[in-house]
């Protein structure tokens, strides 16, 4: 399952999140409610995916795993910045 999620994540983190939701219970185990993964799907998909995957190793996120989640957050912010700069160049 892990390799399949990684393959989907290369194409789209949202596709990987849908795969995790449909074929496993990792999202429900890593988050207390459905609202955080739902909002993460639309706002911060890389961060949501990284947190869920890092949580699965020890049933918590700690140490170096927070660094991985932080890098995913920077990837999400970078994606928003690329969209904003592309819109600015069109004008």
Protein backbone atom coordinates (compact mmCIF):
# COMPACT_ATOMS: atom_id res chain seq x y z
CA UNK A 1 0.00 0.00 0.00
CA UNK A 2 2.86 2.38 0.81
CA UNK A 3 4.38 2.23 -2.67
CA UNK A 4 1.00 2.85 -4.26
CA UNK A 5 0.42 5.92 -2.07
CA UNK A 6 3.89 7.21 -2.97
CA UNK A 7 3.16 6.74 -6.66
CA UNK A 8 -0.15 8.60 -6.36
CA UNK A 9 1.58 11.35 -4.36
CA UNK A 10 4.00 11.93 -7.24
CA UNK A 11 1.06 12.79 -9.47
CA UNK A 12 -1.07 14.56 -6.89
CA UNK A 13 -1.15 14.61 -3.10
CA UNK A 14 -4.92 14.91 -3.31
CA UNK A 15 -5.11 11.66 -5.27
CA UNK A 16 -3.00 9.97 -2.58
CA UNK A 17 -5.30 11.35 0.15
CA UNK A 18 -8.34 9.97 -1.65
CA UNK A 19 -6.59 6.60 -1.95
CA UNK A 20 -5.80 6.59 1.76
CA UNK A 21 -9.38 7.50 2.58
CA UNK A 22 -10.94 4.88 0.29
CA UNK A 23 -8.64 1.93 0.91
CA UNK A 24 -7.43 2.35 4.47
CA UNK A 25 -8.06 3.87 7.84
CA UNK A 26 -4.84 5.87 8.22
CA UNK A 27 -6.57 9.26 7.97
CA UNK A 28 -9.17 8.36 10.57
CA UNK A 29 -6.47 7.04 12.92
CA UNK A 30 -4.16 10.04 12.54
CA UNK A 31 -6.80 12.75 12.91
CA UNK A 32 -9.45 12.97 15.61
CA UNK A 33 -12.21 14.34 13.37
CA UNK A 34 -13.00 14.44 9.68
CA UNK A 35 -12.72 18.24 9.43
CA UNK A 36 -8.91 18.47 9.52
CA UNK A 37 -8.31 16.02 6.64
CA UNK A 38 -11.21 17.58 4.72
CA UNK A 39 -9.76 21.09 5.05
CA UNK A 40 -6.26 19.73 4.46
CA UNK A 41 -7.42 18.15 1.20
CA UNK A 42 -8.32 21.59 -0.15
CA UNK A 43 -5.83 23.89 1.59
CA UNK A 44 -2.66 21.96 2.50
CA UNK A 45 -2.65 18.56 0.78
CA UNK A 46 1.11 17.88 1.08
CA UNK A 47 1.08 18.78 4.78
CA UNK A 48 -1.96 16.61 5.48
CA UNK A 49 -0.44 13.67 3.62
CA UNK A 50 2.95 14.06 5.32
CA UNK A 51 1.39 14.28 8.79
CA UNK A 52 -0.70 11.15 8.21
CA UNK A 53 2.26 9.16 6.89
CA UNK A 54 4.60 10.34 9.66
CA UNK A 55 1.93 9.61 12.29
CA UNK A 56 1.61 6.02 11.09
CA UNK A 57 5.13 5.09 12.14
CA UNK A 58 4.72 5.55 15.93
CA UNK A 59 1.10 6.69 16.42
CA UNK A 60 2.43 10.20 16.95
CA UNK A 61 4.64 12.74 15.19
CA UNK A 62 7.85 13.63 16.97
CA UNK A 63 11.47 14.54 16.34
CA UNK A 64 12.66 14.50 12.76
CA UNK A 65 9.15 13.67 11.56
CA UNK A 66 8.11 17.26 12.31
CA UNK A 67 10.86 18.39 9.92
CA UNK A 68 9.27 16.30 7.15
CA UNK A 69 5.85 17.82 7.91
CA UNK A 70 7.46 21.28 7.83
CA UNK A 71 9.01 20.61 4.42
CA UNK A 72 5.60 19.51 3.16
CA UNK A 73 4.11 22.75 4.53
CA UNK A 74 6.75 24.72 2.64
CA UNK A 75 5.85 22.77 -0.52
CA UNK A 76 2.19 23.77 -0.07
CA UNK A 77 3.10 27.42 0.49
CA UNK A 78 5.44 27.30 -2.51
CA UNK A 79 2.63 25.99 -4.70
CA UNK A 80 0.42 28.90 -3.69
CA UNK A 81 3.27 31.32 -4.40
CA UNK A 82 3.84 29.84 -7.88
CA UNK A 83 0.16 30.25 -8.70
CA UNK A 84 0.18 33.83 -7.44
CA UNK A 85 3.28 34.76 -9.45
CA UNK A 86 1.90 33.11 -12.60
CA UNK A 87 -1.27 35.17 -12.27
CA UNK A 88 0.81 38.30 -11.83
CA UNK A 89 2.77 37.65 -15.03
CA UNK A 90 -0.43 37.28 -17.08
CA UNK A 91 -1.56 40.81 -16.25
